[in-house]
PDB file of N, CA and C in Angstrom:
ATOM      1  N   MET A   1      18.175  -0.116  11.281  1.00  0.00           N
ATOM      2  CA  MET A   1      18.020  -0.952  10.119  1.00  0.00           C
ATOM      3  C   MET A   1      19.108  -0.546   9.051  1.00  0.00           C
ATOM      4  N   ASN A   2      19.598  -1.516   8.413  1.00  0.00           N
ATOM      5  CA  ASN A   2      20.611  -1.311   7.406  1.00  0.00           C
ATOM      6  C   ASN A   2      20.109  -0.452   6.243  1.00  0.00           C
ATOM      7  N   ASN A   3      20.901   0.572   5.877  1.00  0.00           N
ATOM      8  CA  ASN A   3      20.521   1.457   4.807  1.00  0.00           C
ATOM      9  C   ASN A   3      20.282   0.764   3.443  1.00  0.00           C
ATOM     10  N   ASN A   4      21.075  -0.313   3.157  1.00  0.00           N
ATOM     11  CA  ASN A   4      20.843  -1.063   2.007  1.00  0.00           C
ATOM     12  C   ASN A   4      19.528  -1.770   1.957  1.00  0.00           C
ATOM     13  N   TRP A   5      19.134  -2.308   3.123  1.00  0.00           N
ATOM     14  CA  TRP A   5      17.840  -2.962   3.307  1.00  0.00           C
ATOM     15  C   TRP A   5      16.669  -1.966   3.115  1.00  0.00           C
ATOM     16  N   LEU A   6      16.855  -0.799   3.684  1.00  0.00           N
ATOM     17  CA  LEU A   6      15.790   0.267   3.475  1.00  0.00           C
ATOM     18  C   LEU A   6      15.692   0.632   2.002  1.00  0.00           C
ATOM     19  N   TRP A   7      16.744   0.755   1.306  1.00  0.00           N
ATOM     20  CA  TRP A   7      16.688   1.154  -0.093  1.00  0.00           C
ATOM     21  C   TRP A   7      15.976   0.113  -0.879  1.00  0.00           C
ATOM     22  N   LEU A   8      16.241  -1.221  -0.563  1.00  0.00           N
ATOM     23  CA  LEU A   8      15.633  -2.311  -1.333  1.00  0.00           C
ATOM     24  C   LEU A   8      14.156  -2.366  -0.954  1.00  0.00           C
ATOM     25  N   SER A   9      13.856  -2.164   0.387  1.00  0.00           N
ATOM     26  CA  SER A   9      12.415  -2.238   0.748  1.00  0.00           C
ATOM     27  C   SER A   9      11.579  -1.143   0.116  1.00  0.00           C
ATOM     28  N   ASP A  10      12.234   0.067   0.072  1.00  0.00           N
ATOM     29  CA  ASP A  10      11.567   1.219  -0.614  1.00  0.00           C
ATOM     30  C   ASP A  10      11.255   0.850  -2.083  1.00  0.00           C
ATOM     31  N   LEU A  11      12.217   0.241  -2.760  1.00  0.00           N
ATOM     32  CA  LEU A  11      11.991  -0.095  -4.105  1.00  0.00           C
ATOM     33  C   LEU A  11      10.871  -1.107  -4.312  1.00  0.00           C
ATOM     34  N   VAL A  12      10.903  -2.128  -3.424  1.00  0.00           N
ATOM     35  CA  VAL A  12       9.898  -3.216  -3.521  1.00  0.00           C
ATOM     36  C   VAL A  12       8.507  -2.608  -3.199  1.00  0.00           C
ATOM     37  N   MET A  13       8.357  -1.799  -2.154  1.00  0.00           N
ATOM     38  CA  MET A  13       7.087  -1.210  -1.804  1.00  0.00           C
ATOM     39  C   MET A  13       6.641  -0.276  -2.932  1.00  0.00           C
ATOM     40  N   SER A  14       7.476   0.510  -3.494  1.00  0.00           N
ATOM     41  CA  SER A  14       7.073   1.340  -4.554  1.00  0.00           C
ATOM     42  C   SER A  14       6.588   0.568  -5.798  1.00  0.00           C
ATOM     43  N   GLY A  15       7.363  -0.463  -6.143  1.00  0.00           N
ATOM     44  CA  GLY A  15       6.981  -1.364  -7.230  1.00  0.00           C
ATOM     45  C   GLY A  15       5.630  -2.007  -7.038  1.00  0.00           C
ATOM     46  N   LEU A  16       5.382  -2.481  -5.873  1.00  0.00           N
ATOM     47  CA  LEU A  16       4.103  -3.193  -5.523  1.00  0.00           C
ATOM     48  C   LEU A  16       2.998  -2.133  -5.561  1.00  0.00           C
ATOM     49  N   GLY A  17       3.229  -0.977  -5.121  1.00  0.00           N
ATOM     50  CA  GLY A  17       2.228   0.093  -5.185  1.00  0.00           C
ATOM     51  C   GLY A  17       1.849   0.460  -6.672  1.00  0.00           C
ATOM     52  N   LEU A  18       2.890   0.604  -7.472  1.00  0.00           N
ATOM     53  CA  LEU A  18       2.615   0.926  -8.877  1.00  0.00           C
ATOM     54  C   LEU A  18       1.885  -0.260  -9.587  1.00  0.00           C
ATOM     55  N   PHE A  19       2.356  -1.467  -9.275  1.00  0.00           N
ATOM     56  CA  PHE A  19       1.685  -2.674  -9.849  1.00  0.00           C
ATOM     57  C   PHE A  19       0.255  -2.774  -9.445  1.00  0.00           C
ATOM     58  N   SER A  20      -0.015  -2.421  -8.219  1.00  0.00           N
ATOM     59  CA  SER A  20      -1.384  -2.538  -7.736  1.00  0.00           C
ATOM     60  C   SER A  20      -2.282  -1.555  -8.497  1.00  0.00           C
ATOM     61  N   MET A  21      -1.784  -0.371  -8.756  1.00  0.00           N
ATOM     62  CA  MET A  21      -2.537   0.619  -9.560  1.00  0.00           C
ATOM     63  C   MET A  21      -2.750   0.204 -10.948  1.00  0.00           C
ATOM     64  N   PHE A  22      -1.724  -0.464 -11.563  1.00  0.00           N
ATOM     65  CA  PHE A  22      -1.848  -1.019 -12.896  1.00  0.00           C
ATOM     66  C   PHE A  22      -2.960  -2.078 -12.946  1.00  0.00           C
ATOM     67  N   VAL A  23      -2.999  -2.933 -11.871  1.00  0.00           N
ATOM     68  CA  VAL A  23      -4.018  -3.955 -11.839  1.00  0.00           C
ATOM     69  C   VAL A  23      -5.424  -3.321 -11.640  1.00  0.00           C
ATOM     70  N   VAL A  24      -5.534  -2.300 -10.846  1.00  0.00           N
ATOM     71  CA  VAL A  24      -6.812  -1.604 -10.695  1.00  0.00           C
ATOM     72  C   VAL A  24      -7.239  -1.004 -12.051  1.00  0.00           C
ATOM     73  N   GLY A  25      -6.260  -0.516 -12.781  1.00  0.00           N
ATOM     74  CA  GLY A  25      -6.611   0.009 -14.095  1.00  0.00           C
ATOM     75  C   GLY A  25      -7.170  -1.009 -15.051  1.00  0.00           C
ATOM     76  N   LYS A  26      -6.860  -2.250 -14.844  1.00  0.00           N
ATOM     77  CA  LYS A  26      -7.401  -3.412 -15.542  1.00  0.00           C
ATOM     78  C   LYS A  26      -8.741  -3.807 -15.034  1.00  0.00           C
ATOM     79  N   LYS A  27      -9.357  -3.015 -14.092  1.00  0.00           N
ATOM     80  CA  LYS A  27     -10.625  -3.209 -13.542  1.00  0.00           C
ATOM     81  C   LYS A  27     -10.669  -4.524 -12.690  1.00  0.00           C
ATOM     82  N   SER A  28      -9.611  -4.816 -12.011  1.00  0.00           N
ATOM     83  CA  SER A  28      -9.586  -5.987 -11.092  1.00  0.00           C
ATOM     84  C   SER A  28      -9.482  -5.495  -9.627  1.00  0.00           C
ATOM     85  N   LYS A  29     -10.349  -6.087  -8.819  1.00  0.00           N
ATOM     86  CA  LYS A  29     -10.283  -5.751  -7.369  1.00  0.00           C
ATOM     87  C   LYS A  29      -9.057  -6.258  -6.705  1.00  0.00           C
ATOM     88  N   LEU A  30      -8.399  -7.130  -7.400  1.00  0.00           N
ATOM     89  CA  LEU A  30      -7.108  -7.654  -6.912  1.00  0.00           C
ATOM     90  C   LEU A  30      -6.053  -6.514  -6.663  1.00  0.00           C
ATOM     91  N   GLY A  31      -6.233  -5.426  -7.473  1.00  0.00           N
ATOM     92  CA  GLY A  31      -5.344  -4.301  -7.302  1.00  0.00           C
ATOM     93  C   GLY A  31      -5.543  -3.610  -5.961  1.00  0.00           C
ATOM     94  N   TRP A  32      -6.792  -3.553  -5.515  1.00  0.00           N
ATOM     95  CA  TRP A  32      -7.034  -2.968  -4.136  1.00  0.00           C
ATOM     96  C   TRP A  32      -6.499  -3.885  -3.051  1.00  0.00           C
ATOM     97  N   VAL A  33      -6.615  -5.201  -3.254  1.00  0.00           N
ATOM     98  CA  VAL A  33      -6.063  -6.136  -2.260  1.00  0.00           C
ATOM     99  C   VAL A  33      -4.599  -5.986  -2.180  1.00  0.00           C
ATOM    100  N   LEU A  34      -3.929  -5.982  -3.354  1.00  0.00           N
ATOM    101  CA  LEU A  34      -2.394  -5.812  -3.328  1.00  0.00           C
ATOM    102  C   LEU A  34      -2.045  -4.465  -2.730  1.00  0.00           C
ATOM    103  N   GLY A  35      -2.769  -3.414  -2.959  1.00  0.00           N
ATOM    104  CA  GLY A  35      -2.576  -2.156  -2.365  1.00  0.00           C
ATOM    105  C   GLY A  35      -2.632  -2.186  -0.840  1.00  0.00           C
ATOM    106  N   LEU A  36      -3.616  -2.951  -0.309  1.00  0.00           N
ATOM    107  CA  LEU A  36      -3.786  -3.041   1.163  1.00  0.00           C
ATOM    108  C   LEU A  36      -2.646  -3.888   1.749  1.00  0.00           C
ATOM    109  N   VAL A  37      -2.258  -4.925   1.042  1.00  0.00           N
ATOM    110  CA  VAL A  37      -1.072  -5.705   1.530  1.00  0.00           C
ATOM    111  C   VAL A  37       0.119  -4.836   1.613  1.00  0.00           C
ATOM    112  N   ASN A  38       0.335  -4.029   0.532  1.00  0.00           N
ATOM    113  CA  ASN A  38       1.478  -3.173   0.518  1.00  0.00           C
ATOM    114  C   ASN A  38       1.522  -2.173   1.757  1.00  0.00           C
ATOM    115  N   GLN A  39       0.399  -1.762   2.228  1.00  0.00           N
ATOM    116  CA  GLN A  39       0.338  -0.833   3.323  1.00  0.00           C
ATOM    117  C   GLN A  39       0.862  -1.423   4.585  1.00  0.00           C
ATOM    118  N   VAL A  40       0.790  -2.743   4.747  1.00  0.00           N
ATOM    119  CA  VAL A  40       1.327  -3.419   5.877  1.00  0.00           C
ATOM    120  C   VAL A  40       2.891  -3.194   5.881  1.00  0.00           C
ATOM    121  N   PHE A  41       3.498  -3.331   4.688  1.00  0.00           N
ATOM    122  CA  PHE A  41       4.930  -3.072   4.537  1.00  0.00           C
ATOM    123  C   PHE A  41       5.256  -1.595   4.853  1.00  0.00           C
ATOM    124  N   TRP A  42       4.408  -0.732   4.342  1.00  0.00           N
ATOM    125  CA  TRP A  42       4.667   0.729   4.565  1.00  0.00           C
ATOM    126  C   TRP A  42       4.581   1.059   6.053  1.00  0.00           C
ATOM    127  N   ILE A  43       3.599   0.523   6.761  1.00  0.00           N
ATOM    128  CA  ILE A  43       3.526   0.796   8.208  1.00  0.00           C
ATOM    129  C   ILE A  43       4.690   0.249   8.905  1.00  0.00           C
ATOM    130  N   ASN A  44       5.173  -0.925   8.495  1.00  0.00           N
ATOM    131  CA  ASN A  44       6.499  -1.458   9.177  1.00  0.00           C
ATOM    132  C   ASN A  44       7.615  -0.489   8.862  1.00  0.00           C
ATOM    133  N   HIS A  45       7.670  -0.037   7.630  1.00  0.00           N
ATOM    134  CA  HIS A  45       8.741   0.898   7.199  1.00  0.00           C
ATOM    135  C   HIS A  45       8.664   2.239   8.040  1.00  0.00           C
ATOM    136  N   ILE A  46       7.476   2.710   8.204  1.00  0.00           N
ATOM    137  CA  ILE A  46       7.282   3.993   8.983  1.00  0.00           C
ATOM    138  C   ILE A  46       7.721   3.738  10.417  1.00  0.00           C
ATOM    139  N   VAL A  47       7.411   2.614  11.000  1.00  0.00           N
ATOM    140  CA  VAL A  47       7.793   2.348  12.409  1.00  0.00           C
ATOM    141  C   VAL A  47       9.289   2.220  12.486  1.00  0.00           C
ATOM    142  N   GLN A  48       9.873   1.382  11.551  1.00  0.00           N
ATOM    143  CA  GLN A  48      11.306   1.186  11.551  1.00  0.00           C
ATOM    144  C   GLN A  48      12.136   2.460  11.352  1.00  0.00           C
ATOM    145  N   THR A  49      11.675   3.418  10.549  1.00  0.00           N
ATOM    146  CA  THR A  49      12.376   4.653  10.338  1.00  0.00           C
ATOM    147  C   THR A  49      11.978   5.732  11.263  1.00  0.00           C
ATOM    148  N   ARG A  50      11.075   5.443  12.153  1.00  0.00           N
ATOM    149  CA  ARG A  50      10.539   6.419  13.093  1.00  0.00           C
ATOM    150  C   ARG A  50       9.988   7.659  12.431  1.00  0.00           C
ATOM    151  N   SER A  51       9.236   7.426  11.278  1.00  0.00           N
ATOM    152  CA  SER A  51       8.576   8.566  10.559  1.00  0.00           C
ATOM    153  C   SER A  51       7.130   8.626  10.998  1.00  0.00           C
ATOM    154  N   MET A  52       6.899   8.840  12.220  1.00  0.00           N
ATOM    155  CA  MET A  52       5.447   8.775  12.788  1.00  0.00           C
ATOM    156  C   MET A  52       4.528   9.778  12.169  1.00  0.00           C
ATOM    157  N   GLY A  53       5.082  10.873  11.577  1.00  0.00           N
ATOM    158  CA  GLY A  53       4.284  11.810  10.924  1.00  0.00           C
ATOM    159  C   GLY A  53       3.493  11.197   9.733  1.00  0.00           C
ATOM    160  N   MET A  54       3.992  10.110   9.227  1.00  0.00           N
ATOM    161  CA  MET A  54       3.314   9.465   8.087  1.00  0.00           C
ATOM    162  C   MET A  54       2.090   8.578   8.499  1.00  0.00           C
ATOM    163  N   ILE A  55       1.896   8.350   9.724  1.00  0.00           N
ATOM    164  CA  ILE A  55       0.831   7.442  10.240  1.00  0.00           C
ATOM    165  C   ILE A  55      -0.550   8.001   9.757  1.00  0.00           C
ATOM    166  N   PRO A  56      -0.838   9.260   9.891  1.00  0.00           N
ATOM    167  CA  PRO A  56      -2.107   9.786   9.454  1.00  0.00           C
ATOM    168  C   PRO A  56      -2.379   9.543   7.975  1.00  0.00           C
ATOM    169  N   PHE A  57      -1.312   9.774   7.131  1.00  0.00           N
ATOM    170  CA  PHE A  57      -1.398   9.460   5.717  1.00  0.00           C
ATOM    171  C   PHE A  57      -1.751   8.001   5.453  1.00  0.00           C
ATOM    172  N   GLU A  58      -1.038   7.196   6.185  1.00  0.00           N
ATOM    173  CA  GLU A  58      -1.234   5.711   6.031  1.00  0.00           C
ATOM    174  C   GLU A  58      -2.721   5.302   6.402  1.00  0.00           C
ATOM    175  N   ILE A  59      -3.212   5.848   7.464  1.00  0.00           N
ATOM    176  CA  ILE A  59      -4.550   5.593   7.878  1.00  0.00           C
ATOM    177  C   ILE A  59      -5.525   6.017   6.735  1.00  0.00           C
ATOM    178  N   GLY A  60      -5.287   7.147   6.160  1.00  0.00           N
ATOM    179  CA  GLY A  60      -6.095   7.627   5.060  1.00  0.00           C
ATOM    180  C   GLY A  60      -6.051   6.727   3.844  1.00  0.00           C
ATOM    181  N   ILE A  61      -4.857   6.291   3.463  1.00  0.00           N
ATOM    182  CA  ILE A  61      -4.691   5.392   2.377  1.00  0.00           C
ATOM    183  C   ILE A  61      -5.355   4.059   2.580  1.00  0.00           C
ATOM    184  N   ILE A  62      -5.239   3.517   3.789  1.00  0.00           N
ATOM    185  CA  ILE A  62      -5.880   2.200   4.123  1.00  0.00           C
ATOM    186  C   ILE A  62      -7.414   2.382   3.987  1.00  0.00           C
ATOM    187  N   LEU A  63      -8.001   3.485   4.548  1.00  0.00           N
ATOM    188  CA  LEU A  63      -9.389   3.771   4.434  1.00  0.00           C
ATOM    189  C   LEU A  63      -9.898   3.790   3.018  1.00  0.00           C
ATOM    190  N   ILE A  64      -9.102   4.451   2.170  1.00  0.00           N
ATOM    191  CA  ILE A  64      -9.507   4.597   0.700  1.00  0.00           C
ATOM    192  C   ILE A  64      -9.413   3.174   0.036  1.00  0.00           C
ATOM    193  N   TYR A  65      -8.422   2.399   0.311  1.00  0.00           N
ATOM    194  CA  TYR A  65      -8.317   1.060  -0.259  1.00  0.00           C
ATOM    195  C   TYR A  65      -9.427   0.198   0.184  1.00  0.00           C
ATOM    196  N   VAL A  66      -9.801   0.241   1.501  1.00  0.00           N
ATOM    197  CA  VAL A  66     -10.896  -0.562   1.950  1.00  0.00           C
ATOM    198  C   VAL A  66     -12.249  -0.161   1.334  1.00  0.00           C
ATOM    199  N   LYS A  67     -12.474   1.158   1.355  1.00  0.00           N
ATOM    200  CA  LYS A  67     -13.662   1.750   0.767  1.00  0.00           C
ATOM    201  C   LYS A  67     -13.868   1.259  -0.695  1.00  0.00           C
ATOM    202  N   ASN A  68     -12.777   1.419  -1.480  1.00  0.00           N
ATOM    203  CA  ASN A  68     -12.792   1.037  -2.935  1.00  0.00           C
ATOM    204  C   ASN A  68     -12.976  -0.491  -3.081  1.00  0.00           C
ATOM    205  N   LEU A  69     -12.297  -1.252  -2.245  1.00  0.00           N
ATOM    206  CA  LEU A  69     -12.456  -2.659  -2.420  1.00  0.00           C
ATOM    207  C   LEU A  69     -13.915  -3.059  -2.114  1.00  0.00           C
ATOM    208  N   VAL A  70     -14.519  -2.512  -1.034  1.00  0.00           N
ATOM    209  CA  VAL A  70     -15.898  -2.809  -0.711  1.00  0.00           C
ATOM    210  C   VAL A  70     -16.813  -2.398  -1.930  1.00  0.00           C
ATOM    211  N   GLU A  71     -16.591  -1.247  -2.435  1.00  0.00           N
ATOM    212  CA  GLU A  71     -17.480  -0.780  -3.460  1.00  0.00           C
ATOM    213  C   GLU A  71     -17.356  -1.632  -4.707  1.00  0.00           C
ATOM    214  N   TRP A  72     -16.112  -2.007  -5.102  1.00  0.00           N
ATOM    215  CA  TRP A  72     -15.895  -2.815  -6.239  1.00  0.00           C
ATOM    216  C   TRP A  72     -16.480  -4.237  -6.067  1.00  0.00           C
ATOM    217  N   THR A  73     -16.415  -4.705  -4.845  1.00  0.00           N
ATOM    218  CA  THR A  73     -16.986  -6.074  -4.501  1.00  0.00           C
ATOM    219  C   THR A  73     -18.465  -5.999  -4.703  1.00  0.00           C
ATOM    220  N   LYS A  74     -19.148  -4.916  -4.259  1.00  0.00           N
ATOM    221  CA  LYS A  74     -20.626  -4.787  -4.356  1.00  0.00           C
ATOM    222  C   LYS A  74     -21.096  -4.811  -5.829  1.00  0.00           C
ATOM    223  N   LYS A  75     -20.240  -4.257  -6.705  1.00  0.00           N
ATOM    224  CA  LYS A  75     -20.634  -4.150  -8.154  1.00  0.00           C
ATOM    225  C   LYS A  75     -20.642  -5.472  -8.884  1.00  0.00           C
ATOM    226  N   LYS A  76     -19.982  -6.428  -8.366  1.00  0.00           N
ATOM    227  CA  LYS A  76     -19.869  -7.720  -9.039  1.00  0.00           C
ATOM    228  C   LYS A  76     -21.044  -8.613  -8.722  1.00  0.00           C
TER     229      LYS A  76
END
């Protein structure tokens, strides 16, 4: 994969992750949904860069996002 593309995708994924946390801070479950969507991009990035050591971390992050989204949905 082109290094320029990797740099741009890193920037977009980081921005989306930060934005999702900002939205969570506004007490919106949309933040957890955006965070989950962002993990799809991270998994693709991990596979493309062959950084397989990050897979356990990603699984943990996905489980946390799903757990929080379910809990926030129950509260409404």
